[in-house]
Amino acid sequence: MASTPKYEPFSTYYLHPLQGDNYEQWSKIECNNLHARNKLGFLDGTISISNVDSADYAQRGIVNSMLVV
């Protein structure tokens, strides 16, 4: 039997909705979450794109696909 979803806005898995007037708060929360998971560099450009021949090229593609919405 499936469990009922819980509303847990303080969970790291909760996606805080962007509702126009809360952009500042939403942006800070999302940047903090990405920073905590070492993913912010993929969005702000501090992690460079790997060469196609690089051993970590495939892994970067996996991470990138999780960040692109």
PDB file of N, CA and C in Angstrom:
ATOM      1  N   MET A   1       0.836  -1.172   0.000  1.00  0.00           N
ATOM      2  CA  MET A   1       0.000   0.000   0.000  1.00  0.00           C
ATOM      3  C   MET A   1       0.887   1.243   0.000  1.00  0.00           C
ATOM      4  N   ALA A   2       0.578   2.185  -0.868  1.00  0.00           N
ATOM      5  CA  ALA A   2       1.381   3.406  -0.988  1.00  0.00           C
ATOM      6  C   ALA A   2       1.115   4.338   0.188  1.00  0.00           C
ATOM      7  N   SER A   3       2.171   4.982   0.643  1.00  0.00           N
ATOM      8  CA  SER A   3       2.007   5.916   1.756  1.00  0.00           C
ATOM      9  C   SER A   3       1.576   7.289   1.221  1.00  0.00           C
ATOM     10  N   THR A   4       0.966   8.056   2.061  1.00  0.00           N
ATOM     11  CA  THR A   4       0.521   9.398   1.712  1.00  0.00           C
ATOM     12  C   THR A   4       1.724  10.340   1.731  1.00  0.00           C
ATOM     13  N   PRO A   5       1.912  11.130   0.654  1.00  0.00           N
ATOM     14  CA  PRO A   5       3.032  12.072   0.649  1.00  0.00           C
ATOM     15  C   PRO A   5       2.910  13.081   1.781  1.00  0.00           C
ATOM     16  N   LYS A   6       4.035  13.468   2.313  1.00  0.00           N
ATOM     17  CA  LYS A   6       4.063  14.440   3.407  1.00  0.00           C
ATOM     18  C   LYS A   6       4.563  15.775   2.887  1.00  0.00           C
ATOM     19  N   TYR A   7       4.022  16.821   3.452  1.00  0.00           N
ATOM     20  CA  TYR A   7       4.478  18.168   3.157  1.00  0.00           C
ATOM     21  C   TYR A   7       5.563  18.503   4.173  1.00  0.00           C
ATOM     22  N   GLU A   8       6.815  18.463   3.743  1.00  0.00           N
ATOM     23  CA  GLU A   8       7.939  18.722   4.630  1.00  0.00           C
ATOM     24  C   GLU A   8       8.846  19.775   3.992  1.00  0.00           C
ATOM     25  N   PRO A   9       8.496  21.057   4.120  1.00  0.00           N
ATOM     26  CA  PRO A   9       9.272  22.100   3.441  1.00  0.00           C
ATOM     27  C   PRO A   9      10.710  22.253   3.922  1.00  0.00           C
ATOM     28  N   PHE A  10      11.057  21.671   5.069  1.00  0.00           N
ATOM     29  CA  PHE A  10      12.435  21.780   5.552  1.00  0.00           C
ATOM     30  C   PHE A  10      13.283  20.578   5.156  1.00  0.00           C
ATOM     31  N   SER A  11      12.678  19.624   4.462  1.00  0.00           N
ATOM     32  CA  SER A  11      13.410  18.472   3.953  1.00  0.00           C
ATOM     33  C   SER A  11      14.293  18.910   2.795  1.00  0.00           C
ATOM     34  N   THR A  12      15.470  18.305   2.668  1.00  0.00           N
ATOM     35  CA  THR A  12      16.352  18.637   1.547  1.00  0.00           C
ATOM     36  C   THR A  12      15.774  18.174   0.218  1.00  0.00           C
ATOM     37  N   TYR A  13      14.759  17.329   0.252  1.00  0.00           N
ATOM     38  CA  TYR A  13      14.140  16.830  -0.972  1.00  0.00           C
ATOM     39  C   TYR A  13      12.935  17.662  -1.397  1.00  0.00           C
ATOM     40  N   TYR A  14      12.535  18.615  -0.589  1.00  0.00           N
ATOM     41  CA  TYR A  14      11.390  19.462  -0.921  1.00  0.00           C
ATOM     42  C   TYR A  14      11.818  20.510  -1.935  1.00  0.00           C
ATOM     43  N   LEU A  15      11.066  20.641  -3.016  1.00  0.00           N
ATOM     44  CA  LEU A  15      11.345  21.661  -4.021  1.00  0.00           C
ATOM     45  C   LEU A  15      10.526  22.900  -3.694  1.00  0.00           C
ATOM     46  N   HIS A  16      11.197  23.967  -3.379  1.00  0.00           N
ATOM     47  CA  HIS A  16      10.518  25.203  -3.031  1.00  0.00           C
ATOM     48  C   HIS A  16      10.025  25.863  -4.313  1.00  0.00           C
ATOM     49  N   PRO A  17       8.717  26.037  -4.430  1.00  0.00           N
ATOM     50  CA  PRO A  17       8.180  26.599  -5.679  1.00  0.00           C
ATOM     51  C   PRO A  17       8.516  28.077  -5.848  1.00  0.00           C
ATOM     52  N   LEU A  18       8.796  28.447  -7.078  1.00  0.00           N
ATOM     53  CA  LEU A  18       9.029  29.847  -7.416  1.00  0.00           C
ATOM     54  C   LEU A  18       7.678  30.442  -7.768  1.00  0.00           C
ATOM     55  N   GLN A  19       7.290  31.484  -7.041  1.00  0.00           N
ATOM     56  CA  GLN A  19       5.959  32.051  -7.243  1.00  0.00           C
ATOM     57  C   GLN A  19       6.010  33.533  -7.579  1.00  0.00           C
ATOM     58  N   GLY A  20       7.027  33.976  -8.255  1.00  0.00           N
ATOM     59  CA  GLY A  20       7.113  35.363  -8.692  1.00  0.00           C
ATOM     60  C   GLY A  20       7.583  36.331  -7.623  1.00  0.00           C
ATOM     61  N   ASP A  21       6.848  36.437  -6.529  1.00  0.00           N
ATOM     62  CA  ASP A  21       7.201  37.404  -5.499  1.00  0.00           C
ATOM     63  C   ASP A  21       8.220  36.859  -4.496  1.00  0.00           C
ATOM     64  N   ASN A  22       8.587  35.600  -4.609  1.00  0.00           N
ATOM     65  CA  ASN A  22       9.528  35.017  -3.657  1.00  0.00           C
ATOM     66  C   ASN A  22      10.865  34.637  -4.309  1.00  0.00           C
ATOM     67  N   TYR A  23      11.206  35.313  -5.421  1.00  0.00           N
ATOM     68  CA  TYR A  23      12.418  34.937  -6.148  1.00  0.00           C
ATOM     69  C   TYR A  23      13.671  35.027  -5.280  1.00  0.00           C
ATOM     70  N   GLU A  24      13.805  36.085  -4.514  1.00  0.00           N
ATOM     71  CA  GLU A  24      15.004  36.278  -3.680  1.00  0.00           C
ATOM     72  C   GLU A  24      15.189  35.106  -2.714  1.00  0.00           C
ATOM     73  N   GLN A  25      14.130  34.759  -2.002  1.00  0.00           N
ATOM     74  CA  GLN A  25      14.187  33.646  -1.048  1.00  0.00           C
ATOM     75  C   GLN A  25      14.424  32.326  -1.774  1.00  0.00           C
ATOM     76  N   TRP A  26      13.703  32.105  -2.867  1.00  0.00           N
ATOM     77  CA  TRP A  26      13.827  30.869  -3.647  1.00  0.00           C
ATOM     78  C   TRP A  26      15.258  30.706  -4.162  1.00  0.00           C
ATOM     79  N   SER A  27      15.826  31.768  -4.699  1.00  0.00           N
ATOM     80  CA  SER A  27      17.176  31.732  -5.252  1.00  0.00           C
ATOM     81  C   SER A  27      18.202  31.377  -4.179  1.00  0.00           C
ATOM     82  N   LYS A  28      18.092  31.997  -3.017  1.00  0.00           N
ATOM     83  CA  LYS A  28      19.033  31.707  -1.929  1.00  0.00           C
ATOM     84  C   LYS A  28      18.926  30.253  -1.479  1.00  0.00           C
ATOM     85  N   ILE A  29      17.708  29.751  -1.355  1.00  0.00           N
ATOM     86  CA  ILE A  29      17.499  28.367  -0.928  1.00  0.00           C
ATOM     87  C   ILE A  29      18.075  27.391  -1.954  1.00  0.00           C
ATOM     88  N   GLU A  30      17.778  27.617  -3.227  1.00  0.00           N
ATOM     89  CA  GLU A  30      18.253  26.699  -4.264  1.00  0.00           C
ATOM     90  C   GLU A  30      19.779  26.759  -4.406  1.00  0.00           C
ATOM     91  N   CYS A  31      20.362  27.943  -4.355  1.00  0.00           N
ATOM     92  CA  CYS A  31      21.827  28.060  -4.432  1.00  0.00           C
ATOM     93  C   CYS A  31      22.487  27.377  -3.246  1.00  0.00           C
ATOM     94  N   ASN A  32      21.915  27.535  -2.079  1.00  0.00           N
ATOM     95  CA  ASN A  32      22.453  26.889  -0.888  1.00  0.00           C
ATOM     96  C   ASN A  32      22.376  25.366  -1.020  1.00  0.00           C
ATOM     97  N   ASN A  33      21.252  24.858  -1.508  1.00  0.00           N
ATOM     98  CA  ASN A  33      21.107  23.411  -1.713  1.00  0.00           C
ATOM     99  C   ASN A  33      22.124  22.879  -2.718  1.00  0.00           C
ATOM    100  N   LEU A  34      22.302  23.591  -3.821  1.00  0.00           N
ATOM    101  CA  LEU A  34      23.276  23.151  -4.830  1.00  0.00           C
ATOM    102  C   LEU A  34      24.697  23.229  -4.291  1.00  0.00           C
ATOM    103  N   HIS A  35      24.999  24.266  -3.542  1.00  0.00           N
ATOM    104  CA  HIS A  35      26.334  24.407  -2.943  1.00  0.00           C
ATOM    105  C   HIS A  35      26.614  23.258  -1.976  1.00  0.00           C
ATOM    106  N   ALA A  36      25.633  22.900  -1.182  1.00  0.00           N
ATOM    107  CA  ALA A  36      25.802  21.821  -0.205  1.00  0.00           C
ATOM    108  C   ALA A  36      26.068  20.478  -0.881  1.00  0.00           C
ATOM    109  N   ARG A  37      25.584  20.330  -2.096  1.00  0.00           N
ATOM    110  CA  ARG A  37      25.777  19.069  -2.831  1.00  0.00           C
ATOM    111  C   ARG A  37      26.922  19.151  -3.845  1.00  0.00           C
ATOM    112  N   ASN A  38      27.710  20.218  -3.771  1.00  0.00           N
ATOM    113  CA  ASN A  38      28.826  20.444  -4.705  1.00  0.00           C
ATOM    114  C   ASN A  38      28.376  20.472  -6.159  1.00  0.00           C
ATOM    115  N   LYS A  39      27.221  21.073  -6.406  1.00  0.00           N
ATOM    116  CA  LYS A  39      26.684  21.152  -7.765  1.00  0.00           C
ATOM    117  C   LYS A  39      26.591  22.591  -8.275  1.00  0.00           C
ATOM    118  N   LEU A  40      26.759  23.570  -7.403  1.00  0.00           N
ATOM    119  CA  LEU A  40      26.599  24.965  -7.803  1.00  0.00           C
ATOM    120  C   LEU A  40      27.585  25.357  -8.905  1.00  0.00           C
ATOM    121  N   GLY A  41      28.761  24.811  -8.875  1.00  0.00           N
ATOM    122  CA  GLY A  41      29.777  25.120  -9.882  1.00  0.00           C
ATOM    123  C   GLY A  41      29.384  24.768 -11.295  1.00  0.00           C
ATOM    124  N   PHE A  42      28.477  23.816 -11.446  1.00  0.00           N
ATOM    125  CA  PHE A  42      27.992  23.468 -12.778  1.00  0.00           C
ATOM    126  C   PHE A  42      27.137  24.585 -13.356  1.00  0.00           C
ATOM    127  N   LEU A  43      26.457  25.320 -12.502  1.00  0.00           N
ATOM    128  CA  LEU A  43      25.594  26.401 -12.969  1.00  0.00           C
ATOM    129  C   LEU A  43      26.301  27.741 -13.057  1.00  0.00           C
ATOM    130  N   ASP A  44      27.211  28.018 -12.132  1.00  0.00           N
ATOM    131  CA  ASP A  44      27.857  29.327 -12.147  1.00  0.00           C
ATOM    132  C   ASP A  44      29.140  29.354 -12.984  1.00  0.00           C
ATOM    133  N   GLY A  45      29.522  28.214 -13.544  1.00  0.00           N
ATOM    134  CA  GLY A  45      30.650  28.163 -14.459  1.00  0.00           C
ATOM    135  C   GLY A  45      32.004  27.927 -13.820  1.00  0.00           C
ATOM    136  N   THR A  46      32.071  27.752 -12.509  1.00  0.00           N
ATOM    137  CA  THR A  46      33.367  27.516 -11.869  1.00  0.00           C
ATOM    138  C   THR A  46      33.870  26.099 -12.128  1.00  0.00           C
ATOM    139  N   ILE A  47      32.986  25.191 -12.501  1.00  0.00           N
ATOM    140  CA  ILE A  47      33.394  23.851 -12.934  1.00  0.00           C
ATOM    141  C   ILE A  47      33.321  23.850 -14.457  1.00  0.00           C
ATOM    142  N   SER A  48      34.468  23.681 -15.087  1.00  0.00           N
ATOM    143  CA  SER A  48      34.509  23.764 -16.549  1.00  0.00           C
ATOM    144  C   SER A  48      33.997  22.479 -17.194  1.00  0.00           C
ATOM    145  N   ILE A  49      33.609  22.607 -18.447  1.00  0.00           N
ATOM    146  CA  ILE A  49      33.128  21.459 -19.211  1.00  0.00           C
ATOM    147  C   ILE A  49      34.314  20.552 -19.521  1.00  0.00           C
ATOM    148  N   SER A  50      34.128  19.271 -19.232  1.00  0.00           N
ATOM    149  CA  SER A  50      35.194  18.296 -19.461  1.00  0.00           C
ATOM    150  C   SER A  50      35.377  18.038 -20.950  1.00  0.00           C
ATOM    151  N   ASN A  51      36.596  17.666 -21.314  1.00  0.00           N
ATOM    152  CA  ASN A  51      36.889  17.242 -22.668  1.00  0.00           C
ATOM    153  C   ASN A  51      36.161  15.931 -22.938  1.00  0.00           C
ATOM    154  N   VAL A  52      35.708  15.707 -24.148  1.00  0.00           N
ATOM    155  CA  VAL A  52      34.978  14.489 -24.504  1.00  0.00           C
ATOM    156  C   VAL A  52      35.804  13.248 -24.196  1.00  0.00           C
ATOM    157  N   ASP A  53      37.103  13.326 -24.291  1.00  0.00           N
ATOM    158  CA  ASP A  53      37.979  12.182 -24.034  1.00  0.00           C
ATOM    159  C   ASP A  53      38.287  11.988 -22.548  1.00  0.00           C
ATOM    160  N   SER A  54      37.832  12.902 -21.709  1.00  0.00           N
ATOM    161  CA  SER A  54      38.113  12.831 -20.274  1.00  0.00           C
ATOM    162  C   SER A  54      37.335  11.695 -19.616  1.00  0.00           C
ATOM    163  N   ALA A  55      37.930  11.121 -18.584  1.00  0.00           N
ATOM    164  CA  ALA A  55      37.294  10.008 -17.873  1.00  0.00           C
ATOM    165  C   ALA A  55      36.027  10.443 -17.153  1.00  0.00           C
ATOM    166  N   ASP A  56      35.936  11.714 -16.760  1.00  0.00           N
ATOM    167  CA  ASP A  56      34.753  12.170 -16.026  1.00  0.00           C
ATOM    168  C   ASP A  56      33.699  12.849 -16.906  1.00  0.00           C
ATOM    169  N   TYR A  57      33.863  12.770 -18.210  1.00  0.00           N
ATOM    170  CA  TYR A  57      32.918  13.409 -19.126  1.00  0.00           C
ATOM    171  C   TYR A  57      31.507  12.833 -18.977  1.00  0.00           C
ATOM    172  N   ALA A  58      31.380  11.538 -18.902  1.00  0.00           N
ATOM    173  CA  ALA A  58      30.066  10.905 -18.772  1.00  0.00           C
ATOM    174  C   ALA A  58      29.406  11.284 -17.449  1.00  0.00           C
ATOM    175  N   GLN A  59      30.180  11.307 -16.380  1.00  0.00           N
ATOM    176  CA  GLN A  59      29.632  11.682 -15.071  1.00  0.00           C
ATOM    177  C   GLN A  59      29.132  13.120 -15.084  1.00  0.00           C
ATOM    178  N   ARG A  60      29.854  14.014 -15.742  1.00  0.00           N
ATOM    179  CA  ARG A  60      29.423  15.403 -15.813  1.00  0.00           C
ATOM    180  C   ARG A  60      28.097  15.506 -16.550  1.00  0.00           C
ATOM    181  N   GLY A  61      27.922  14.709 -17.589  1.00  0.00           N
ATOM    182  CA  GLY A  61      26.665  14.704 -18.326  1.00  0.00           C
ATOM    183  C   GLY A  61      25.506  14.259 -17.464  1.00  0.00           C
ATOM    184  N   ILE A  62      25.739  13.278 -16.606  1.00  0.00           N
ATOM    185  CA  ILE A  62      24.696  12.805 -15.695  1.00  0.00           C
ATOM    186  C   ILE A  62      24.303  13.916 -14.723  1.00  0.00           C
ATOM    187  N   VAL A  63      25.287  14.551 -14.121  1.00  0.00           N
ATOM    188  CA  VAL A  63      25.015  15.643 -13.183  1.00  0.00           C
ATOM    189  C   VAL A  63      24.321  16.788 -13.887  1.00  0.00           C
ATOM    190  N   ASN A  64      24.774  17.146 -15.065  1.00  0.00           N
ATOM    191  CA  ASN A  64      24.178  18.247 -15.813  1.00  0.00           C
ATOM    192  C   ASN A  64      22.714  17.960 -16.124  1.00  0.00           C
ATOM    193  N   SER A  65      22.397  16.730 -16.483  1.00  0.00           N
ATOM    194  CA  SER A  65      21.003  16.415 -16.815  1.00  0.00           C
ATOM    195  C   SER A  65      20.107  16.505 -15.588  1.00  0.00           C
ATOM    196  N   MET A  66      20.641  16.332 -14.393  1.00  0.00           N
ATOM    197  CA  MET A  66      19.843  16.490 -13.173  1.00  0.00           C
ATOM    198  C   MET A  66      19.584  17.956 -12.869  1.00  0.00           C
ATOM    199  N   LEU A  67      20.455  18.845 -13.329  1.00  0.00           N
ATOM    200  CA  LEU A  67      20.323  20.255 -13.012  1.00  0.00           C
ATOM    201  C   LEU A  67      19.480  21.015 -14.034  1.00  0.00           C
ATOM    202  N   VAL A  68      19.427  20.533 -15.250  1.00  0.00           N
ATOM    203  CA  VAL A  68      18.677  21.219 -16.305  1.00  0.00           C
ATOM    204  C   VAL A  68      17.211  20.847 -16.177  1.00  0.00           C
ATOM    205  N   VAL A  69      16.389  21.873 -16.041  1.00  0.00           N
ATOM    206  CA  VAL A  69      14.940  21.622 -15.915  1.00  0.00           C
ATOM    207  C   VAL A  69      14.171  22.298 -17.002  1.00  0.00           C
TER     208      VAL A  69
END
